[in-house]
Amino acid sequence: MKYVLEQVKKKENRQKLSVIRMEIDYELVTLYDAMKANDSTEIQKTKKRLNELVKKLKYLTEKTN
């Protein structure tokens, strides 16, 4: 039973990883647009969000392996 639960958790984490990767892609596009518009407020906000997403990505990657 423990093995089954671990596998379910890993599957959930893999799905979360996919969502986080899509969020990172979106934030990168947002950052690019902010840089083109020279919007320093949006640049800083987006960089902060990207850093949070990268931390989540690293954490979930470790848990999945």
N, C-alpha and C. Protein backbone atom coordinates (compact mmCIF):
# COMPACT_ATOMS: atom_id res chain seq x y z
N MET A 1 0.83 -1.20 0.00
CA MET A 1 0.00 0.00 0.00
C MET A 1 0.87 1.26 0.00
N LYS A 2 1.93 1.22 0.77
CA LYS A 2 2.83 2.37 0.84
C LYS A 2 3.42 2.69 -0.54
N TYR A 3 3.78 1.65 -1.27
CA TYR A 3 4.33 1.81 -2.61
C TYR A 3 3.33 2.50 -3.53
N VAL A 4 2.08 2.10 -3.45
CA VAL A 4 1.03 2.67 -4.30
C VAL A 4 0.87 4.17 -3.99
N LEU A 5 0.85 4.51 -2.72
CA LEU A 5 0.72 5.91 -2.33
C LEU A 5 1.90 6.74 -2.81
N GLU A 6 3.10 6.18 -2.73
CA GLU A 6 4.29 6.89 -3.21
C GLU A 6 4.19 7.14 -4.71
N GLN A 7 3.71 6.17 -5.45
CA GLN A 7 3.58 6.32 -6.89
C GLN A 7 2.53 7.37 -7.26
N VAL A 8 1.45 7.40 -6.49
CA VAL A 8 0.41 8.40 -6.72
C VAL A 8 0.98 9.80 -6.46
N LYS A 9 1.73 9.95 -5.37
CA LYS A 9 2.35 11.24 -5.04
C LYS A 9 3.30 11.67 -6.15
N LYS A 10 4.10 10.72 -6.65
CA LYS A 10 5.05 11.06 -7.71
C LYS A 10 4.32 11.51 -8.97
N LYS A 11 3.20 10.85 -9.28
CA LYS A 11 2.43 11.23 -10.45
C LYS A 11 1.86 12.64 -10.27
N GLU A 12 1.34 12.93 -9.09
CA GLU A 12 0.82 14.26 -8.81
C GLU A 12 1.92 15.31 -8.94
N ASN A 13 3.10 14.99 -8.42
CA ASN A 13 4.22 15.92 -8.51
C ASN A 13 4.64 16.17 -9.96
N ARG A 14 4.61 15.12 -10.79
CA ARG A 14 4.96 15.29 -12.20
C ARG A 14 3.95 16.21 -12.89
N GLN A 15 2.68 16.08 -12.52
CA GLN A 15 1.67 16.96 -13.08
C GLN A 15 1.88 18.40 -12.63
N LYS A 16 2.23 18.56 -11.37
CA LYS A 16 2.51 19.90 -10.86
C LYS A 16 3.72 20.51 -11.56
N LEU A 17 4.72 19.68 -11.85
CA LEU A 17 5.90 20.16 -12.56
C LEU A 17 5.51 20.72 -13.93
N SER A 18 4.63 20.05 -14.61
CA SER A 18 4.17 20.52 -15.92
C SER A 18 3.51 21.89 -15.82
N VAL A 19 2.68 22.04 -14.81
CA VAL A 19 1.98 23.31 -14.61
C VAL A 19 2.99 24.42 -14.29
N ILE A 20 3.95 24.12 -13.44
CA ILE A 20 4.95 25.12 -13.07
C ILE A 20 5.78 25.52 -14.29
N ARG A 21 6.12 24.56 -15.13
CA ARG A 21 6.88 24.89 -16.35
C ARG A 21 6.08 25.82 -17.26
N MET A 22 4.78 25.58 -17.37
CA MET A 22 3.94 26.47 -18.18
C MET A 22 3.87 27.87 -17.56
N GLU A 23 3.78 27.92 -16.23
CA GLU A 23 3.77 29.22 -15.55
C GLU A 23 5.08 29.96 -15.78
N ILE A 24 6.19 29.24 -15.75
CA ILE A 24 7.49 29.86 -16.00
C ILE A 24 7.53 30.42 -17.42
N ASP A 25 7.05 29.66 -18.38
CA ASP A 25 7.00 30.14 -19.77
C ASP A 25 6.19 31.42 -19.87
N TYR A 26 5.05 31.44 -19.22
CA TYR A 26 4.19 32.62 -19.23
C TYR A 26 4.91 33.82 -18.61
N GLU A 27 5.56 33.60 -17.47
CA GLU A 27 6.26 34.69 -16.80
C GLU A 27 7.43 35.20 -17.64
N LEU A 28 8.08 34.31 -18.38
CA LEU A 28 9.17 34.75 -19.26
C LEU A 28 8.65 35.64 -20.38
N VAL A 29 7.49 35.30 -20.91
CA VAL A 29 6.88 36.16 -21.93
C VAL A 29 6.52 37.51 -21.31
N THR A 30 5.98 37.48 -20.10
CA THR A 30 5.64 38.72 -19.40
C THR A 30 6.89 39.57 -19.16
N LEU A 31 7.97 38.91 -18.76
CA LEU A 31 9.22 39.63 -18.54
C LEU A 31 9.73 40.25 -19.84
N TYR A 32 9.66 39.50 -20.91
CA TYR A 32 10.10 40.02 -22.20
C TYR A 32 9.29 41.25 -22.59
N ASP A 33 7.97 41.18 -22.44
CA ASP A 33 7.11 42.33 -22.75
C ASP A 33 7.44 43.53 -21.87
N ALA A 34 7.68 43.28 -20.60
CA ALA A 34 8.01 44.37 -19.66
C ALA A 34 9.35 45.00 -20.03
N MET A 35 10.29 44.17 -20.47
CA MET A 35 11.59 44.70 -20.88
C MET A 35 11.46 45.55 -22.15
N LYS A 36 10.64 45.09 -23.07
CA LYS A 36 10.42 45.87 -24.30
C LYS A 36 9.75 47.21 -23.97
N ALA A 37 8.85 47.20 -23.01
CA ALA A 37 8.13 48.42 -22.62
C ALA A 37 8.93 49.26 -21.63
N ASN A 38 10.07 48.73 -21.20
CA ASN A 38 10.93 49.41 -20.21
C ASN A 38 10.15 49.72 -18.93
N ASP A 39 9.34 48.74 -18.48
CA ASP A 39 8.51 48.87 -17.28
C ASP A 39 9.24 48.22 -16.10
N SER A 40 9.99 49.03 -15.38
CA SER A 40 10.85 48.48 -14.32
C SER A 40 10.04 47.85 -13.18
N THR A 41 8.87 48.37 -12.89
CA THR A 41 8.03 47.79 -11.83
C THR A 41 7.61 46.38 -12.21
N GLU A 42 7.13 46.22 -13.43
CA GLU A 42 6.68 44.90 -13.90
C GLU A 42 7.87 43.94 -14.02
N ILE A 43 9.02 44.46 -14.41
CA ILE A 43 10.22 43.62 -14.51
C ILE A 43 10.56 43.02 -13.15
N GLN A 44 10.59 43.85 -12.13
CA GLN A 44 10.92 43.38 -10.79
C GLN A 44 9.89 42.39 -10.27
N LYS A 45 8.62 42.68 -10.50
CA LYS A 45 7.54 41.80 -10.06
C LYS A 45 7.64 40.43 -10.74
N THR A 46 7.92 40.45 -12.02
CA THR A 46 8.03 39.20 -12.79
C THR A 46 9.25 38.40 -12.37
N LYS A 47 10.36 39.08 -12.14
CA LYS A 47 11.57 38.38 -11.68
C LYS A 47 11.34 37.70 -10.34
N LYS A 48 10.64 38.38 -9.46
CA LYS A 48 10.34 37.80 -8.15
C LYS A 48 9.48 36.55 -8.31
N ARG A 49 8.46 36.64 -9.15
CA ARG A 49 7.58 35.49 -9.40
C ARG A 49 8.36 34.34 -10.04
N LEU A 50 9.27 34.66 -10.96
CA LEU A 50 10.08 33.62 -11.59
C LEU A 50 10.96 32.92 -10.56
N ASN A 51 11.54 33.67 -9.66
CA ASN A 51 12.37 33.07 -8.61
C ASN A 51 11.57 32.11 -7.74
N GLU A 52 10.34 32.50 -7.41
CA GLU A 52 9.48 31.63 -6.60
C GLU A 52 9.15 30.35 -7.37
N LEU A 53 8.85 30.48 -8.64
CA LEU A 53 8.52 29.31 -9.46
C LEU A 53 9.71 28.37 -9.61
N VAL A 54 10.89 28.93 -9.76
CA VAL A 54 12.10 28.10 -9.88
C VAL A 54 12.33 27.32 -8.59
N LYS A 55 12.12 27.96 -7.46
CA LYS A 55 12.26 27.27 -6.18
C LYS A 55 11.27 26.10 -6.08
N LYS A 56 10.02 26.35 -6.48
CA LYS A 56 9.01 25.28 -6.47
C LYS A 56 9.42 24.15 -7.41
N LEU A 57 9.92 24.53 -8.57
CA LEU A 57 10.34 23.54 -9.56
C LEU A 57 11.46 22.66 -9.01
N LYS A 58 12.44 23.26 -8.39
CA LYS A 58 13.55 22.49 -7.81
C LYS A 58 13.05 21.56 -6.70
N TYR A 59 12.19 22.09 -5.85
CA TYR A 59 11.67 21.29 -4.73
C TYR A 59 10.90 20.07 -5.25
N LEU A 60 10.00 20.29 -6.17
CA LEU A 60 9.20 19.19 -6.70
C LEU A 60 10.04 18.21 -7.50
N THR A 61 11.06 18.70 -8.18
CA THR A 61 11.95 17.82 -8.93
C THR A 61 12.66 16.87 -7.98
N GLU A 62 13.10 17.38 -6.86
CA GLU A 62 13.77 16.54 -5.85
C GLU A 62 12.81 15.51 -5.28
N LYS A 63 11.58 15.90 -5.03
CA LYS A 63 10.59 14.98 -4.46
C LYS A 63 10.18 13.90 -5.46
N THR A 64 10.21 14.23 -6.74
CA THR A 64 9.77 13.29 -7.76
C THR A 64 10.81 12.21 -8.01
N ASN A 65 12.05 12.56 -7.84
CA ASN A 65 13.13 11.58 -8.10
C ASN A 65 13.32 10.64 -6.97
